[in-house]
Amino acid sequence: PICGMLSTQEPCEICSSKLRDRSKIMVVKDTKDVLAIEN
């Protein structure tokens, strides 16, 4: 409900993580792009 990524939890793992830099948001087409960049 926050970032639109496919996930089995709400919010997703990335939005819920305290280790992510919340000052930056990367806008991508869909979840496949997120996975490619995360890899």
PDB file of all heavy atoms in Angstrom:
ATOM      1  N   PRO A   1       0.801  -1.226   0.000  1.00  0.00           N
ATOM      2  CA  PRO A   1       0.000   0.000   0.000  1.00  0.00           C
ATOM      3  C   PRO A   1       0.832   1.273   0.000  1.00  0.00           C
ATOM      4  O   PRO A   1       0.308   2.360  -0.242  1.00  0.00           O
ATOM      5  CB  PRO A   1      -0.823  -0.119   1.286  1.00  0.00           C
ATOM      6  CG  PRO A   1       0.001  -0.997   2.177  1.00  0.00           C
ATOM      7  CD  PRO A   1       0.660  -1.976   1.260  1.00  0.00           C
ATOM      8  N   ILE A   2       2.145   1.152   0.248  1.00  0.00           N
ATOM      9  CA  ILE A   2       3.014   2.324   0.279  1.00  0.00           C
ATOM     10  C   ILE A   2       3.762   2.508  -1.044  1.00  0.00           C
ATOM     11  O   ILE A   2       3.679   3.564  -1.673  1.00  0.00           O
ATOM     12  CB  ILE A   2       4.036   2.219   1.430  1.00  0.00           C
ATOM     13  CG1 ILE A   2       3.312   2.202   2.775  1.00  0.00           C
ATOM     14  CG2 ILE A   2       5.030   3.388   1.374  1.00  0.00           C
ATOM     15  CD1 ILE A   2       4.228   2.010   3.962  1.00  0.00           C
ATOM     16  N   CYS A   3       4.482   1.466  -1.478  1.00  0.00           N
ATOM     17  CA  CYS A   3       5.323   1.602  -2.671  1.00  0.00           C
ATOM     18  C   CYS A   3       4.772   0.910  -3.910  1.00  0.00           C
ATOM     19  O   CYS A   3       5.261   1.145  -5.018  1.00  0.00           O
ATOM     20  CB  CYS A   3       6.734   1.077  -2.387  1.00  0.00           C
ATOM     21  SG  CYS A   3       6.826  -0.727  -2.245  1.00  0.00           S
ATOM     22  N   GLY A   4       3.784   0.053  -3.749  1.00  0.00           N
ATOM     23  CA  GLY A   4       3.193  -0.619  -4.896  1.00  0.00           C
ATOM     24  C   GLY A   4       3.893  -1.888  -5.324  1.00  0.00           C
ATOM     25  O   GLY A   4       3.497  -2.531  -6.298  1.00  0.00           O
ATOM     26  N   MET A   5       4.958  -2.291  -4.626  1.00  0.00           N
ATOM     27  CA  MET A   5       5.676  -3.508  -4.988  1.00  0.00           C
ATOM     28  C   MET A   5       4.891  -4.745  -4.572  1.00  0.00           C
ATOM     29  O   MET A   5       4.163  -4.724  -3.575  1.00  0.00           O
ATOM     30  CB  MET A   5       7.052  -3.529  -4.318  1.00  0.00           C
ATOM     31  CG  MET A   5       7.947  -4.660  -4.785  1.00  0.00           C
ATOM     32  SD  MET A   5       9.588  -4.637  -4.017  1.00  0.00           S
ATOM     33  CE  MET A   5       9.219  -5.338  -2.413  1.00  0.00           C
ATOM     34  N   LEU A   6       5.035  -5.833  -5.322  1.00  0.00           N
ATOM     35  CA  LEU A   6       4.386  -7.081  -4.957  1.00  0.00           C
ATOM     36  C   LEU A   6       5.048  -7.669  -3.724  1.00  0.00           C
ATOM     37  O   LEU A   6       6.276  -7.701  -3.617  1.00  0.00           O
ATOM     38  CB  LEU A   6       4.471  -8.085  -6.109  1.00  0.00           C
ATOM     39  CG  LEU A   6       3.639  -7.761  -7.357  1.00  0.00           C
ATOM     40  CD1 LEU A   6       3.937  -8.766  -8.459  1.00  0.00           C
ATOM     41  CD2 LEU A   6       2.154  -7.763  -7.024  1.00  0.00           C
ATOM     42  N   SER A   7       4.227  -8.132  -2.788  1.00  0.00           N
ATOM     43  CA  SER A   7       4.764  -8.678  -1.548  1.00  0.00           C
ATOM     44  C   SER A   7       3.697  -9.511  -0.855  1.00  0.00           C
ATOM     45  O   SER A   7       2.502  -9.380  -1.132  1.00  0.00           O
ATOM     46  CB  SER A   7       5.225  -7.546  -0.621  1.00  0.00           C
ATOM     47  OG  SER A   7       5.680  -8.059   0.618  1.00  0.00           O
ATOM     48  N   THR A   8       4.152 -10.359   0.064  1.00  0.00           N
ATOM     49  CA  THR A   8       3.218 -11.164   0.845  1.00  0.00           C
ATOM     50  C   THR A   8       2.902 -10.505   2.181  1.00  0.00           C
ATOM     51  O   THR A   8       2.152 -11.063   2.977  1.00  0.00           O
ATOM     52  CB  THR A   8       3.799 -12.572   1.104  1.00  0.00           C
ATOM     53  OG1 THR A   8       5.078 -12.450   1.734  1.00  0.00           O
ATOM     54  CG2 THR A   8       3.956 -13.332  -0.211  1.00  0.00           C
ATOM     55  N   GLN A   9       3.505  -9.332   2.447  1.00  0.00           N
ATOM     56  CA  GLN A   9       3.221  -8.635   3.695  1.00  0.00           C
ATOM     57  C   GLN A   9       2.942  -7.156   3.421  1.00  0.00           C
ATOM     58  O   GLN A   9       3.322  -6.619   2.395  1.00  0.00           O
ATOM     59  CB  GLN A   9       4.406  -8.759   4.667  1.00  0.00           C
ATOM     60  CG  GLN A   9       5.662  -8.015   4.247  1.00  0.00           C
ATOM     61  CD  GLN A   9       6.791  -8.159   5.255  1.00  0.00           C
ATOM     62  OE1 GLN A   9       7.205  -9.285   5.571  1.00  0.00           O
ATOM     63  NE2 GLN A   9       7.275  -7.050   5.781  1.00  0.00           N
ATOM     64  N   GLU A  10       2.243  -6.524   4.352  1.00  0.00           N
ATOM     65  CA  GLU A  10       1.885  -5.106   4.229  1.00  0.00           C
ATOM     66  C   GLU A  10       2.315  -4.367   5.495  1.00  0.00           C
ATOM     67  O   GLU A  10       1.842  -4.702   6.585  1.00  0.00           O
ATOM     68  CB  GLU A  10       0.379  -4.954   4.028  1.00  0.00           C
ATOM     69  CG  GLU A  10      -0.135  -5.544   2.739  1.00  0.00           C
ATOM     70  CD  GLU A  10      -1.620  -5.277   2.544  1.00  0.00           C
ATOM     71  OE1 GLU A  10      -2.220  -4.546   3.377  1.00  0.00           O
ATOM     72  OE2 GLU A  10      -2.193  -5.784   1.576  1.00  0.00           O
ATOM     73  N   PRO A  11       3.176  -3.346   5.366  1.00  0.00           N
ATOM     74  CA  PRO A  11       3.914  -2.946   4.159  1.00  0.00           C
ATOM     75  C   PRO A  11       4.927  -4.021   3.768  1.00  0.00           C
ATOM     76  O   PRO A  11       5.191  -4.952   4.531  1.00  0.00           O
ATOM     77  CB  PRO A  11       4.620  -1.660   4.581  1.00  0.00           C
ATOM     78  CG  PRO A  11       3.894  -1.194   5.807  1.00  0.00           C
ATOM     79  CD  PRO A  11       3.460  -2.450   6.500  1.00  0.00           C
ATOM     80  N   CYS A  12       5.533  -3.848   2.568  1.00  0.00           N
ATOM     81  CA  CYS A  12       6.473  -4.832   2.059  1.00  0.00           C
ATOM     82  C   CYS A  12       7.755  -4.836   2.882  1.00  0.00           C
ATOM     83  O   CYS A  12       7.967  -3.986   3.754  1.00  0.00           O
ATOM     84  CB  CYS A  12       6.791  -4.552   0.588  1.00  0.00           C
ATOM     85  SG  CYS A  12       7.769  -3.041   0.348  1.00  0.00           S
ATOM     86  N   GLU A  13       8.640  -5.800   2.589  1.00  0.00           N
ATOM     87  CA  GLU A  13       9.884  -5.954   3.340  1.00  0.00           C
ATOM     88  C   GLU A  13      10.768  -4.710   3.263  1.00  0.00           C
ATOM     89  O   GLU A  13      11.412  -4.330   4.248  1.00  0.00           O
ATOM     90  CB  GLU A  13      10.661  -7.163   2.807  1.00  0.00           C
ATOM     91  CG  GLU A  13       9.951  -8.499   2.988  1.00  0.00           C
ATOM     92  CD  GLU A  13       8.983  -8.807   1.857  1.00  0.00           C
ATOM     93  OE1 GLU A  13       8.651  -7.877   1.092  1.00  0.00           O
ATOM     94  OE2 GLU A  13       8.558  -9.964   1.746  1.00  0.00           O
ATOM     95  N   ILE A  14      10.806  -4.062   2.111  1.00  0.00           N
ATOM     96  CA  ILE A  14      11.673  -2.896   1.943  1.00  0.00           C
ATOM     97  C   ILE A  14      11.113  -1.690   2.687  1.00  0.00           C
ATOM     98  O   ILE A  14      11.840  -0.972   3.380  1.00  0.00           O
ATOM     99  CB  ILE A  14      11.870  -2.574   0.446  1.00  0.00           C
ATOM    100  CG1 ILE A  14      12.657  -3.713  -0.213  1.00  0.00           C
ATOM    101  CG2 ILE A  14      12.574  -1.239   0.251  1.00  0.00           C
ATOM    102  CD1 ILE A  14      12.884  -3.533  -1.696  1.00  0.00           C
ATOM    103  N   CYS A  15       9.839  -1.436   2.552  1.00  0.00           N
ATOM    104  CA  CYS A  15       9.222  -0.301   3.250  1.00  0.00           C
ATOM    105  C   CYS A  15       9.262  -0.483   4.765  1.00  0.00           C
ATOM    106  O   CYS A  15       9.299   0.499   5.511  1.00  0.00           O
ATOM    107  CB  CYS A  15       7.776  -0.117   2.787  1.00  0.00           C
ATOM    108  SG  CYS A  15       7.605   0.512   1.096  1.00  0.00           S
ATOM    109  N   SER A  16       9.269  -1.724   5.215  1.00  0.00           N
ATOM    110  CA  SER A  16       9.262  -2.005   6.653  1.00  0.00           C
ATOM    111  C   SER A  16      10.658  -1.985   7.264  1.00  0.00           C
ATOM    112  O   SER A  16      10.805  -1.871   8.483  1.00  0.00           O
ATOM    113  CB  SER A  16       8.633  -3.378   6.922  1.00  0.00           C
ATOM    114  OG  SER A  16       7.317  -3.438   6.443  1.00  0.00           O
ATOM    115  N   SER A  17      11.680  -2.100   6.411  1.00  0.00           N
ATOM    116  CA  SER A  17      13.048  -2.205   6.917  1.00  0.00           C
ATOM    117  C   SER A  17      13.544  -0.897   7.530  1.00  0.00           C
ATOM    118  O   SER A  17      13.373   0.182   6.964  1.00  0.00           O
ATOM    119  CB  SER A  17      13.987  -2.618   5.777  1.00  0.00           C
ATOM    120  OG  SER A  17      15.335  -2.607   6.225  1.00  0.00           O
ATOM    121  N   LYS A  18      14.200  -0.992   8.679  1.00  0.00           N
ATOM    122  CA  LYS A  18      14.787   0.167   9.344  1.00  0.00           C
ATOM    123  C   LYS A  18      16.195   0.463   8.811  1.00  0.00           C
ATOM    124  O   LYS A  18      16.815   1.444   9.210  1.00  0.00           O
ATOM    125  CB  LYS A  18      14.844  -0.072  10.858  1.00  0.00           C
ATOM    126  CG  LYS A  18      13.475  -0.207  11.508  1.00  0.00           C
ATOM    127  CD  LYS A  18      13.596  -0.415  13.000  1.00  0.00           C
ATOM    128  CE  LYS A  18      12.230  -0.540  13.659  1.00  0.00           C
ATOM    129  NZ  LYS A  18      12.319  -0.757  15.122  1.00  0.00           N
ATOM    130  N   LEU A  19      16.680  -0.416   7.923  1.00  0.00           N
ATOM    131  CA  LEU A  19      18.029  -0.268   7.395  1.00  0.00           C
ATOM    132  C   LEU A  19      18.064   0.521   6.080  1.00  0.00           C
ATOM    133  O   LEU A  19      19.141   0.853   5.596  1.00  0.00           O
ATOM    134  CB  LEU A  19      18.659  -1.652   7.160  1.00  0.00           C
ATOM    135  CG  LEU A  19      18.760  -2.560   8.391  1.00  0.00           C
ATOM    136  CD1 LEU A  19      19.340  -3.913   7.993  1.00  0.00           C
ATOM    137  CD2 LEU A  19      19.611  -1.902   9.471  1.00  0.00           C
ATOM    138  N   ARG A  20      16.894   0.835   5.515  1.00  0.00           N
ATOM    139  CA  ARG A  20      16.862   1.537   4.234  1.00  0.00           C
ATOM    140  C   ARG A  20      17.009   3.043   4.445  1.00  0.00           C
ATOM    141  O   ARG A  20      16.584   3.600   5.465  1.00  0.00           O
ATOM    142  CB  ARG A  20      15.547   1.264   3.498  1.00  0.00           C
ATOM    143  CG  ARG A  20      15.165  -0.183   3.361  1.00  0.00           C
ATOM    144  CD  ARG A  20      16.126  -1.001   2.540  1.00  0.00           C
ATOM    145  NE  ARG A  20      16.252  -0.585   1.163  1.00  0.00           N
ATOM    146  CZ  ARG A  20      16.646  -1.399   0.183  1.00  0.00           C
ATOM    147  NH1 ARG A  20      16.953  -2.664   0.445  1.00  0.00           N
ATOM    148  NH2 ARG A  20      16.757  -0.947  -1.051  1.00  0.00           N
ATOM    149  N   ASP A  21      17.615   3.701   3.468  1.00  0.00           N
ATOM    150  CA  ASP A  21      17.773   5.155   3.484  1.00  0.00           C
ATOM    151  C   ASP A  21      16.460   5.789   3.019  1.00  0.00           C
ATOM    152  O   ASP A  21      16.129   5.763   1.835  1.00  0.00           O
ATOM    153  CB  ASP A  21      18.910   5.557   2.541  1.00  0.00           C
ATOM    154  CG  ASP A  21      19.176   7.056   2.566  1.00  0.00           C
ATOM    155  OD1 ASP A  21      18.381   7.799   3.186  1.00  0.00           O
ATOM    156  OD2 ASP A  21      20.168   7.495   1.956  1.00  0.00           O
ATOM    157  N   ARG A  22      15.721   6.378   3.940  1.00  0.00           N
ATOM    158  CA  ARG A  22      14.402   6.910   3.635  1.00  0.00           C
ATOM    159  C   ARG A  22      14.439   8.304   3.007  1.00  0.00           C
ATOM    160  O   ARG A  22      13.395   8.889   2.728  1.00  0.00           O
ATOM    161  CB  ARG A  22      13.532   6.917   4.893  1.00  0.00           C
ATOM    162  CG  ARG A  22      13.321   5.515   5.428  1.00  0.00           C
ATOM    163  CD  ARG A  22      12.371   5.428   6.589  1.00  0.00           C
ATOM    164  NE  ARG A  22      12.152   4.031   6.930  1.00  0.00           N
ATOM    165  CZ  ARG A  22      11.277   3.243   6.337  1.00  0.00           C
ATOM    166  NH1 ARG A  22      10.507   3.730   5.386  1.00  0.00           N
ATOM    167  NH2 ARG A  22      11.158   1.984   6.679  1.00  0.00           N
ATOM    168  N   SER A  23      15.630   8.808   2.773  1.00  0.00           N
ATOM    169  CA  SER A  23      15.746  10.114   2.124  1.00  0.00           C
ATOM    170  C   SER A  23      15.731   9.990   0.597  1.00  0.00           C
ATOM    171  O   SER A  23      15.677  10.986  -0.108  1.00  0.00           O
ATOM    172  CB  SER A  23      17.036  10.811   2.556  1.00  0.00           C
ATOM    173  OG  SER A  23      18.177  10.141   2.048  1.00  0.00           O
ATOM    174  N   LYS A  24      15.775   8.736   0.086  1.00  0.00           N
ATOM    175  CA  LYS A  24      15.814   8.499  -1.363  1.00  0.00           C
ATOM    176  C   LYS A  24      14.686   7.574  -1.793  1.00  0.00           C
ATOM    177  O   LYS A  24      14.416   6.569  -1.138  1.00  0.00           O
ATOM    178  CB  LYS A  24      17.155   7.880  -1.772  1.00  0.00           C
ATOM    179  CG  LYS A  24      18.370   8.732  -1.489  1.00  0.00           C
ATOM    180  CD  LYS A  24      19.644   8.011  -1.889  1.00  0.00           C
ATOM    181  CE  LYS A  24      20.864   8.895  -1.705  1.00  0.00           C
ATOM    182  NZ  LYS A  24      21.114   9.202  -0.291  1.00  0.00           N
ATOM    183  N   ILE A  25      14.035   7.933  -2.894  1.00  0.00           N
ATOM    184  CA  ILE A  25      13.004   7.075  -3.483  1.00  0.00           C
ATOM    185  C   ILE A  25      13.334   6.893  -4.959  1.00  0.00           C
ATOM    186  O   ILE A  25      13.450   7.869  -5.702  1.00  0.00           O
ATOM    187  CB  ILE A  25      11.595   7.672  -3.347  1.00  0.00           C
ATOM    188  CG1 ILE A  25      11.197   7.787  -1.878  1.00  0.00           C
ATOM    189  CG2 ILE A  25      10.579   6.812  -4.105  1.00  0.00           C
ATOM    190  CD1 ILE A  25       9.817   8.394  -1.667  1.00  0.00           C
ATOM    191  N   MET A  26      13.504   5.647  -5.382  1.00  0.00           N
ATOM    192  CA  MET A  26      13.721   5.353  -6.793  1.00  0.00           C
ATOM    193  C   MET A  26      12.403   4.905  -7.415  1.00  0.00           C
ATOM    194  O   MET A  26      11.779   3.952  -6.953  1.00  0.00           O
ATOM    195  CB  MET A  26      14.784   4.264  -6.983  1.00  0.00           C
ATOM    196  CG  MET A  26      15.044   3.935  -8.453  1.00  0.00           C
ATOM    197  SD  MET A  26      16.298   2.649  -8.716  1.00  0.00           S
ATOM    198  CE  MET A  26      17.781   3.515  -8.219  1.00  0.00           C
ATOM    199  N   VAL A  27      11.992   5.597  -8.463  1.00  0.00           N
ATOM    200  CA  VAL A  27      10.733   5.293  -9.139  1.00  0.00           C
ATOM    201  C   VAL A  27      11.006   4.366 -10.321  1.00  0.00           C
ATOM    202  O   VAL A  27      11.783   4.715 -11.229  1.00  0.00           O
ATOM    203  CB  VAL A  27      10.047   6.584  -9.632  1.00  0.00           C
ATOM    204  CG1 VAL A  27       8.715   6.254 -10.302  1.00  0.00           C
ATOM    205  CG2 VAL A  27       9.833   7.549  -8.466  1.00  0.00           C
ATOM    206  N   VAL A  28      10.384   3.193 -10.320  1.00  0.00           N
ATOM    207  CA  VAL A  28      10.587   2.207 -11.381  1.00  0.00           C
ATOM    208  C   VAL A  28       9.235   1.761 -11.942  1.00  0.00           C
ATOM    209  O   VAL A  28       8.182   2.101 -11.397  1.00  0.00           O
ATOM    210  CB  VAL A  28      11.357   0.976 -10.858  1.00  0.00           C
ATOM    211  CG1 VAL A  28      12.752   1.372 -10.406  1.00  0.00           C
ATOM    212  CG2 VAL A  28      10.603   0.311  -9.707  1.00  0.00           C
ATOM    213  N   LYS A  29       9.296   0.996 -13.010  1.00  0.00           N
ATOM    214  CA  LYS A  29       8.058   0.544 -13.651  1.00  0.00           C
ATOM    215  C   LYS A  29       7.300  -0.452 -12.776  1.00  0.00           C
ATOM    216  O   LYS A  29       6.106  -0.287 -12.532  1.00  0.00           O
ATOM    217  CB  LYS A  29       8.364  -0.083 -15.007  1.00  0.00           C
ATOM    218  CG  LYS A  29       7.140  -0.670 -15.702  1.00  0.00           C
ATOM    219  CD  LYS A  29       7.517  -1.389 -16.985  1.00  0.00           C
ATOM    220  CE  LYS A  29       6.292  -2.047 -17.624  1.00  0.00           C
ATOM    221  NZ  LYS A  29       6.661  -2.802 -18.849  1.00  0.00           N
ATOM    222  N   ASP A  30       7.990  -1.506 -12.323  1.00  0.00           N
ATOM    223  CA  ASP A  30       7.291  -2.548 -11.572  1.00  0.00           C
ATOM    224  C   ASP A  30       8.255  -3.337 -10.685  1.00  0.00           C
ATOM    225  O   ASP A  30       9.440  -3.007 -10.572  1.00  0.00           O
ATOM    226  CB  ASP A  30       6.538  -3.496 -12.510  1.00  0.00           C
ATOM    227  CG  ASP A  30       7.440  -4.059 -13.610  1.00  0.00           C
ATOM    228  OD1 ASP A  30       8.655  -4.222 -13.359  1.00  0.00           O
ATOM    229  OD2 ASP A  30       6.939  -4.325 -14.722  1.00  0.00           O
ATOM    230  N   THR A  31       7.737  -4.384 -10.074  1.00  0.00           N
ATOM    231  CA  THR A  31       8.505  -5.191  -9.125  1.00  0.00           C
ATOM    232  C   THR A  31       9.713  -5.846  -9.776  1.00  0.00           C
ATOM    233  O   THR A  31      10.752  -6.025  -9.121  1.00  0.00           O
ATOM    234  CB  THR A  31       7.602  -6.276  -8.497  1.00  0.00           C
ATOM    235  OG1 THR A  31       6.471  -5.639  -7.876  1.00  0.00           O
ATOM    236  CG2 THR A  31       8.347  -7.080  -7.448  1.00  0.00           C
ATOM    237  N   LYS A  32       9.624  -6.211 -11.054  1.00  0.00           N
ATOM    238  CA  LYS A  32      10.746  -6.839 -11.736  1.00  0.00           C
ATOM    239  C   LYS A  32      11.965  -5.923 -11.748  1.00  0.00           C
ATOM    240  O   LYS A  32      13.106  -6.386 -11.605  1.00  0.00           O
ATOM    241  CB  LYS A  32      10.351  -7.226 -13.165  1.00  0.00           C
ATOM    242  CG  LYS A  32       9.349  -8.372 -13.240  1.00  0.00           C
ATOM    243  CD  LYS A  32       9.020  -8.721 -14.672  1.00  0.00           C
ATOM    244  CE  LYS A  32       8.222  -7.607 -15.336  1.00  0.00           C
ATOM    245  NZ  LYS A  32       7.784  -7.972 -16.708  1.00  0.00           N
ATOM    246  N   ASP A  33      11.740  -4.613 -11.913  1.00  0.00           N
ATOM    247  CA  ASP A  33      12.854  -3.661 -11.894  1.00  0.00           C
ATOM    248  C   ASP A  33      13.468  -3.571 -10.498  1.00  0.00           C
ATOM    249  O   ASP A  33      14.684  -3.444 -10.342  1.00  0.00           O
ATOM    250  CB  ASP A  33      12.383  -2.282 -12.342  1.00  0.00           C
ATOM    251  CG  ASP A  33      12.049  -2.246 -13.827  1.00  0.00           C
ATOM    252  OD1 ASP A  33      12.525  -3.130 -14.561  1.00  0.00           O
ATOM    253  OD2 ASP A  33      11.313  -1.332 -14.247  1.00  0.00           O
ATOM    254  N   VAL A  34      12.622  -3.631  -9.472  1.00  0.00           N
ATOM    255  CA  VAL A  34      13.120  -3.599  -8.096  1.00  0.00           C
ATOM    256  C   VAL A  34      14.044  -4.788  -7.846  1.00  0.00           C
ATOM    257  O   VAL A  34      15.142  -4.643  -7.301  1.00  0.00           O
ATOM    258  CB  VAL A  34      11.958  -3.623  -7.079  1.00  0.00           C
ATOM    259  CG1 VAL A  34      12.496  -3.782  -5.660  1.00  0.00           C
ATOM    260  CG2 VAL A  34      11.130  -2.361  -7.180  1.00  0.00           C
ATOM    261  N   LEU A  35      13.609  -5.970  -8.255  1.00  0.00           N
ATOM    262  CA  LEU A  35      14.406  -7.172  -8.037  1.00  0.00           C
ATOM    263  C   LEU A  35      15.741  -7.094  -8.772  1.00  0.00           C
ATOM    264  O   LEU A  35      16.780  -7.509  -8.239  1.00  0.00           O
ATOM    265  CB  LEU A  35      13.621  -8.408  -8.502  1.00  0.00           C
ATOM    266  CG  LEU A  35      12.314  -8.690  -7.751  1.00  0.00           C
ATOM    267  CD1 LEU A  35      11.616  -9.909  -8.330  1.00  0.00           C
ATOM    268  CD2 LEU A  35      12.584  -8.890  -6.270  1.00  0.00           C
ATOM    269  N   ALA A  36      15.726  -6.555  -9.993  1.00  0.00           N
ATOM    270  CA  ALA A  36      16.965  -6.438 -10.769  1.00  0.00           C
ATOM    271  C   ALA A  36      17.967  -5.521 -10.068  1.00  0.00           C
ATOM    272  O   ALA A  36      19.158  -5.823  -9.998  1.00  0.00           O
ATOM    273  CB  ALA A  36      16.656  -5.918 -12.168  1.00  0.00           C
ATOM    274  N   ILE A  37      17.481  -4.406  -9.549  1.00  0.00           N
ATOM    275  CA  ILE A  37      18.363  -3.448  -8.873  1.00  0.00           C
ATOM    276  C   ILE A  37      18.810  -3.987  -7.517  1.00  0.00           C
ATOM    277  O   ILE A  37      19.967  -3.830  -7.123  1.00  0.00           O
ATOM    278  CB  ILE A  37      17.653  -2.090  -8.708  1.00  0.00           C
ATOM    279  CG1 ILE A  37      17.356  -1.490 -10.089  1.00  0.00           C
ATOM    280  CG2 ILE A  37      18.498  -1.124  -7.882  1.00  0.00           C
ATOM    281  CD1 ILE A  37      16.476  -0.263 -10.054  1.00  0.00           C
ATOM    282  N   GLU A  38      17.914  -4.646  -6.796  1.00  0.00           N
ATOM    283  CA  GLU A  38      18.266  -5.215  -5.497  1.00  0.00           C
ATOM    284  C   GLU A  38      19.336  -6.293  -5.626  1.00  0.00           C
ATOM    285  O   GLU A  38      20.186  -6.450  -4.749  1.00  0.00           O
ATOM    286  CB  GLU A  38      17.025  -5.802  -4.821  1.00  0.00           C
ATOM    287  CG  GLU A  38      16.118  -4.769  -4.185  1.00  0.00           C
ATOM    288  CD  GLU A  38      16.789  -4.061  -3.019  1.00  0.00           C
ATOM    289  OE1 GLU A  38      17.007  -4.695  -1.972  1.00  0.00           O
ATOM    290  OE2 GLU A  38      17.104  -2.865  -3.172  1.00  0.00           O
ATOM    291  N   ASN A  39      19.322  -7.035  -6.729  1.00  0.00           N
ATOM    292  CA  ASN A  39      20.292  -8.106  -6.927  1.00  0.00           C
ATOM    293  C   ASN A  39      21.721  -7.579  -7.042  1.00  0.00           C
ATOM    294  O   ASN A  39      22.682  -8.325  -6.838  1.00  0.00           O
ATOM    295  CB  ASN A  39      19.948  -8.924  -8.174  1.00  0.00           C
ATOM    296  CG  ASN A  39      18.769  -9.843  -7.946  1.00  0.00           C
ATOM    297  OD1 ASN A  39      18.471 -10.216  -6.816  1.00  0.00           O
ATOM    298  ND2 ASN A  39      18.080 -10.221  -9.015  1.00  0.00           N
TER     299      ASN A  39
END
